[in-house]
Amino acid sequence: MKFLAPLNQCTLGMVRFRGQTPWECHPDGDELLHVVEGELGVTVLSDGEPVRETLPAESVFIVPRGLWHRTSATAGTVLLFATAAETSEHSWAEDPRATS
C-alpha cells in the first residue's frame, strides 16, 4: 500500500492486493474506490441484506459514510482510493455491526 497525498480531509492511496480485507467503516466521510486493474468485489452492510458488487477495471464505487464494507480480489487488483482520514474502524468479526 502506498499513501500518495492528502486530499482535502482524505488520504489518497494506491494498493495492489489479492484476498479479502477486514471490514472497515469511515464515520467522517464517504470513500472513493477506483479499480485501476483487475476486478474488485465490494460488500456493503446497511439496514437490510448486504449489498454485493463486482467491479471491473476502470470502475468507480462510492462507499457511503458510516457503512461497514470490505473488498476482495482474486487476482492482483490495483485500487486507487480516497478515504476520510480522521477516523476509520476495522473489524474481522463476521458482522461488525453487532460489535460496534
N, C-alpha and C. Protein backbone atom coordinates (compact mmCIF):
# COMPACT_ATOMS: atom_id res chain seq x y z
N MET A 1 0.86 -1.17 0.00
CA MET A 1 0.00 0.00 0.00
C MET A 1 0.90 1.23 0.00
N LYS A 2 0.53 2.18 -0.81
CA LYS A 2 1.28 3.42 -0.87
C LYS A 2 0.33 4.59 -0.69
N PHE A 3 0.64 5.43 0.31
CA PHE A 3 -0.15 6.64 0.51
C PHE A 3 0.45 7.72 -0.38
N LEU A 4 -0.39 8.29 -1.24
CA LEU A 4 0.11 9.23 -2.24
C LEU A 4 0.12 10.67 -1.75
N ALA A 5 -0.98 11.11 -1.14
CA ALA A 5 -1.06 12.51 -0.73
C ALA A 5 -2.34 12.73 0.07
N PRO A 6 -2.36 13.80 0.87
CA PRO A 6 -3.64 14.20 1.46
C PRO A 6 -4.46 14.93 0.40
N LEU A 7 -5.77 14.78 0.48
CA LEU A 7 -6.68 15.45 -0.45
C LEU A 7 -7.88 15.92 0.36
N ASN A 8 -7.98 17.24 0.56
CA ASN A 8 -8.97 17.80 1.47
C ASN A 8 -8.82 17.10 2.82
N GLN A 9 -9.86 16.46 3.35
CA GLN A 9 -9.73 15.73 4.61
C GLN A 9 -9.60 14.23 4.37
N CYS A 10 -9.06 13.83 3.21
CA CYS A 10 -8.93 12.42 2.84
C CYS A 10 -7.47 12.02 2.67
N THR A 11 -7.25 10.73 2.70
CA THR A 11 -5.97 10.15 2.33
C THR A 11 -6.14 9.53 0.96
N LEU A 12 -5.28 9.88 0.05
CA LEU A 12 -5.29 9.33 -1.30
C LEU A 12 -4.19 8.27 -1.36
N GLY A 13 -4.55 7.06 -1.78
CA GLY A 13 -3.57 5.99 -1.81
C GLY A 13 -3.83 5.00 -2.93
N MET A 14 -2.87 4.07 -3.07
CA MET A 14 -2.98 3.04 -4.11
C MET A 14 -2.45 1.74 -3.51
N VAL A 15 -3.11 0.64 -3.88
CA VAL A 15 -2.69 -0.66 -3.36
C VAL A 15 -2.89 -1.72 -4.44
N ARG A 16 -1.98 -2.68 -4.48
CA ARG A 16 -2.15 -3.89 -5.30
C ARG A 16 -2.33 -5.01 -4.30
N PHE A 17 -3.42 -5.77 -4.43
CA PHE A 17 -3.67 -6.83 -3.45
C PHE A 17 -4.45 -7.97 -4.04
N ARG A 18 -4.48 -9.04 -3.27
CA ARG A 18 -5.27 -10.23 -3.56
C ARG A 18 -5.79 -10.70 -2.21
N GLY A 19 -6.99 -11.25 -2.19
CA GLY A 19 -7.57 -11.73 -0.94
C GLY A 19 -8.66 -10.82 -0.45
N GLN A 20 -9.02 -11.01 0.81
CA GLN A 20 -10.12 -10.25 1.41
C GLN A 20 -9.59 -9.34 2.50
N THR A 21 -10.08 -8.12 2.52
CA THR A 21 -9.70 -7.16 3.55
C THR A 21 -10.62 -7.31 4.76
N PRO A 22 -10.22 -6.76 5.91
CA PRO A 22 -11.16 -6.73 7.03
C PRO A 22 -12.29 -5.75 6.73
N TRP A 23 -13.35 -5.84 7.51
CA TRP A 23 -14.42 -4.84 7.42
C TRP A 23 -13.82 -3.51 7.84
N GLU A 24 -14.31 -2.43 7.23
CA GLU A 24 -13.92 -1.10 7.68
C GLU A 24 -15.11 -0.16 7.59
N CYS A 25 -15.03 0.90 8.37
CA CYS A 25 -16.10 1.90 8.42
C CYS A 25 -15.45 3.27 8.59
N HIS A 26 -15.97 4.25 7.85
CA HIS A 26 -15.44 5.62 7.91
C HIS A 26 -16.57 6.56 8.30
N PRO A 27 -16.73 6.84 9.60
CA PRO A 27 -17.85 7.68 10.05
C PRO A 27 -17.77 9.13 9.60
N ASP A 28 -16.59 9.60 9.20
CA ASP A 28 -16.43 11.02 8.88
C ASP A 28 -16.54 11.37 7.40
N GLY A 29 -16.75 10.37 6.54
CA GLY A 29 -16.87 10.71 5.12
C GLY A 29 -17.01 9.50 4.24
N ASP A 30 -17.46 9.75 3.01
CA ASP A 30 -17.56 8.69 2.01
C ASP A 30 -16.15 8.23 1.62
N GLU A 31 -16.09 7.05 0.98
CA GLU A 31 -14.82 6.54 0.46
C GLU A 31 -14.98 6.31 -1.04
N LEU A 32 -14.00 6.76 -1.81
CA LEU A 32 -13.99 6.55 -3.25
C LEU A 32 -13.04 5.39 -3.56
N LEU A 33 -13.53 4.42 -4.34
CA LEU A 33 -12.72 3.29 -4.79
C LEU A 33 -12.69 3.33 -6.32
N HIS A 34 -11.50 3.33 -6.89
CA HIS A 34 -11.34 3.29 -8.35
C HIS A 34 -10.49 2.08 -8.71
N VAL A 35 -11.07 1.14 -9.45
CA VAL A 35 -10.35 -0.08 -9.84
C VAL A 35 -9.50 0.26 -11.06
N VAL A 36 -8.18 0.25 -10.88
CA VAL A 36 -7.26 0.58 -11.96
C VAL A 36 -6.99 -0.66 -12.83
N GLU A 37 -6.74 -1.80 -12.17
CA GLU A 37 -6.50 -3.08 -12.87
C GLU A 37 -7.22 -4.18 -12.13
N GLY A 38 -7.61 -5.22 -12.85
CA GLY A 38 -8.21 -6.39 -12.23
C GLY A 38 -9.69 -6.21 -11.98
N GLU A 39 -10.15 -6.89 -10.94
CA GLU A 39 -11.57 -6.90 -10.58
C GLU A 39 -11.67 -6.83 -9.06
N LEU A 40 -12.66 -6.11 -8.59
CA LEU A 40 -12.82 -5.90 -7.15
C LEU A 40 -14.22 -6.30 -6.72
N GLY A 41 -14.31 -7.11 -5.69
CA GLY A 41 -15.58 -7.40 -5.04
C GLY A 41 -15.76 -6.45 -3.88
N VAL A 42 -16.93 -5.85 -3.77
CA VAL A 42 -17.24 -4.93 -2.67
C VAL A 42 -18.52 -5.41 -1.99
N THR A 43 -18.48 -5.51 -0.66
CA THR A 43 -19.68 -5.82 0.12
C THR A 43 -19.91 -4.68 1.10
N VAL A 44 -21.13 -4.13 1.09
CA VAL A 44 -21.50 -3.03 1.97
C VAL A 44 -22.66 -3.49 2.84
N LEU A 45 -22.55 -3.25 4.15
CA LEU A 45 -23.61 -3.60 5.09
C LEU A 45 -24.46 -2.37 5.39
N SER A 46 -25.77 -2.51 5.21
CA SER A 46 -26.70 -1.44 5.57
C SER A 46 -27.77 -2.04 6.47
N ASP A 47 -28.94 -1.46 6.51
CA ASP A 47 -30.01 -1.99 7.38
C ASP A 47 -30.57 -3.31 6.87
N GLY A 48 -30.59 -3.53 5.58
CA GLY A 48 -31.15 -4.75 5.00
C GLY A 48 -30.07 -5.78 4.75
N GLU A 49 -30.25 -6.52 3.67
CA GLU A 49 -29.27 -7.53 3.26
C GLU A 49 -27.99 -6.85 2.78
N PRO A 50 -26.85 -7.54 2.88
CA PRO A 50 -25.60 -6.97 2.35
C PRO A 50 -25.73 -6.68 0.85
N VAL A 51 -25.13 -5.59 0.43
CA VAL A 51 -25.08 -5.23 -0.98
C VAL A 51 -23.73 -5.68 -1.51
N ARG A 52 -23.75 -6.51 -2.55
CA ARG A 52 -22.51 -7.03 -3.14
C ARG A 52 -22.41 -6.58 -4.59
N GLU A 53 -21.25 -6.06 -4.95
CA GLU A 53 -20.99 -5.62 -6.31
C GLU A 53 -19.65 -6.18 -6.76
N THR A 54 -19.55 -6.50 -8.03
CA THR A 54 -18.28 -6.88 -8.64
C THR A 54 -17.93 -5.80 -9.64
N LEU A 55 -16.77 -5.19 -9.43
CA LEU A 55 -16.37 -4.04 -10.23
C LEU A 55 -15.22 -4.40 -11.16
N PRO A 56 -15.38 -4.24 -12.46
CA PRO A 56 -14.27 -4.48 -13.39
C PRO A 56 -13.30 -3.29 -13.38
N ALA A 57 -12.18 -3.46 -14.05
CA ALA A 57 -11.21 -2.37 -14.19
C ALA A 57 -11.90 -1.13 -14.75
N GLU A 58 -11.43 0.02 -14.31
CA GLU A 58 -11.91 1.34 -14.72
C GLU A 58 -13.24 1.72 -14.07
N SER A 59 -13.69 0.94 -13.09
CA SER A 59 -14.93 1.27 -12.37
C SER A 59 -14.63 2.16 -11.17
N VAL A 60 -15.64 2.93 -10.80
CA VAL A 60 -15.58 3.77 -9.60
C VAL A 60 -16.77 3.40 -8.73
N PHE A 61 -16.53 3.32 -7.42
CA PHE A 61 -17.58 2.98 -6.46
C PHE A 61 -17.43 3.91 -5.28
N ILE A 62 -18.53 4.46 -4.81
CA ILE A 62 -18.52 5.32 -3.62
C ILE A 62 -19.17 4.55 -2.47
N VAL A 63 -18.43 4.38 -1.37
CA VAL A 63 -18.97 3.76 -0.17
C VAL A 63 -19.50 4.90 0.71
N PRO A 64 -20.79 4.90 1.03
CA PRO A 64 -21.34 5.98 1.86
C PRO A 64 -20.74 6.00 3.27
N ARG A 65 -20.62 7.17 3.78
CA ARG A 65 -20.08 7.38 5.14
C ARG A 65 -20.84 6.53 6.15
N GLY A 66 -20.10 5.96 7.09
CA GLY A 66 -20.71 5.26 8.21
C GLY A 66 -21.18 3.85 7.95
N LEU A 67 -20.97 3.31 6.74
CA LEU A 67 -21.40 1.94 6.46
C LEU A 67 -20.19 1.00 6.47
N TRP A 68 -20.34 -0.13 7.15
CA TRP A 68 -19.30 -1.15 7.15
C TRP A 68 -19.19 -1.74 5.75
N HIS A 69 -17.95 -1.97 5.31
CA HIS A 69 -17.72 -2.53 3.98
C HIS A 69 -16.38 -3.26 3.97
N ARG A 70 -16.24 -4.17 2.99
CA ARG A 70 -14.95 -4.82 2.76
C ARG A 70 -14.82 -5.14 1.29
N THR A 71 -13.58 -5.37 0.89
CA THR A 71 -13.29 -5.65 -0.51
C THR A 71 -12.56 -6.98 -0.63
N SER A 72 -12.62 -7.56 -1.82
CA SER A 72 -11.89 -8.78 -2.09
C SER A 72 -11.44 -8.78 -3.55
N ALA A 73 -10.32 -9.46 -3.78
CA ALA A 73 -9.78 -9.57 -5.14
C ALA A 73 -9.19 -10.96 -5.30
N THR A 74 -9.47 -11.61 -6.42
CA THR A 74 -8.94 -12.95 -6.67
C THR A 74 -7.61 -12.91 -7.41
N ALA A 75 -7.29 -11.81 -8.03
CA ALA A 75 -6.01 -11.65 -8.73
C ALA A 75 -5.39 -10.34 -8.26
N GLY A 76 -4.23 -10.01 -8.78
CA GLY A 76 -3.56 -8.77 -8.38
C GLY A 76 -4.32 -7.54 -8.82
N THR A 77 -5.26 -7.12 -8.04
CA THR A 77 -6.07 -5.94 -8.35
C THR A 77 -5.34 -4.69 -7.88
N VAL A 78 -5.39 -3.65 -8.70
CA VAL A 78 -4.81 -2.37 -8.33
C VAL A 78 -5.97 -1.41 -8.06
N LEU A 79 -5.94 -0.82 -6.88
CA LEU A 79 -7.03 0.04 -6.42
C LEU A 79 -6.49 1.40 -6.01
N LEU A 80 -7.10 2.46 -6.53
CA LEU A 80 -6.84 3.82 -6.08
C LEU A 80 -7.99 4.18 -5.15
N PHE A 81 -7.68 4.74 -3.98
CA PHE A 81 -8.74 5.06 -3.02
C PHE A 81 -8.54 6.44 -2.42
N ALA A 82 -9.64 7.04 -2.04
CA ALA A 82 -9.65 8.29 -1.26
C ALA A 82 -10.54 8.02 -0.06
N THR A 83 -9.93 8.03 1.12
CA THR A 83 -10.61 7.65 2.35
C THR A 83 -10.59 8.79 3.35
N ALA A 84 -11.71 9.02 4.02
CA ALA A 84 -11.77 10.02 5.08
C ALA A 84 -10.68 9.73 6.10
N ALA A 85 -9.80 10.69 6.32
CA ALA A 85 -8.59 10.44 7.09
C ALA A 85 -8.75 10.51 8.61
N GLU A 86 -9.75 11.20 9.08
CA GLU A 86 -9.86 11.43 10.52
C GLU A 86 -10.04 10.15 11.33
N THR A 87 -11.05 9.37 11.02
CA THR A 87 -11.29 8.14 11.78
C THR A 87 -11.67 7.01 10.85
N SER A 88 -11.19 5.85 11.17
CA SER A 88 -11.57 4.63 10.48
C SER A 88 -11.63 3.52 11.51
N GLU A 89 -12.60 2.64 11.36
CA GLU A 89 -12.72 1.48 12.23
C GLU A 89 -12.50 0.24 11.39
N HIS A 90 -11.91 -0.81 12.00
CA HIS A 90 -11.65 -2.07 11.30
C HIS A 90 -12.10 -3.23 12.16
N SER A 91 -12.54 -4.32 11.51
CA SER A 91 -13.02 -5.49 12.25
C SER A 91 -12.92 -6.74 11.39
N TRP A 92 -12.55 -7.86 12.03
CA TRP A 92 -12.58 -9.17 11.37
C TRP A 92 -13.81 -9.96 11.81
N ALA A 93 -14.71 -9.35 12.60
CA ALA A 93 -15.93 -10.03 13.04
C ALA A 93 -16.77 -10.43 11.85
N GLU A 94 -17.58 -11.46 12.00
CA GLU A 94 -18.47 -11.88 10.92
C GLU A 94 -19.43 -10.76 10.53
N ASP A 95 -20.00 -10.08 11.53
CA ASP A 95 -20.86 -8.92 11.31
C ASP A 95 -20.40 -7.81 12.27
N PRO A 96 -19.63 -6.88 11.80
CA PRO A 96 -19.08 -5.84 12.68
C PRO A 96 -20.13 -4.91 13.27
N ARG A 97 -21.31 -4.88 12.68
CA ARG A 97 -22.38 -4.03 13.23
C ARG A 97 -22.76 -4.50 14.63
N ALA A 98 -22.63 -5.79 14.91
CA ALA A 98 -23.01 -6.35 16.21
C ALA A 98 -21.99 -6.01 17.29
N THR A 99 -20.75 -5.63 16.88
CA THR A 99 -19.70 -5.34 17.86
C THR A 99 -19.38 -3.87 17.98
N SER A 100 -19.97 -3.03 17.12
CA SER A 100 -19.61 -1.60 17.19
C SER A 100 -20.55 -0.82 18.06
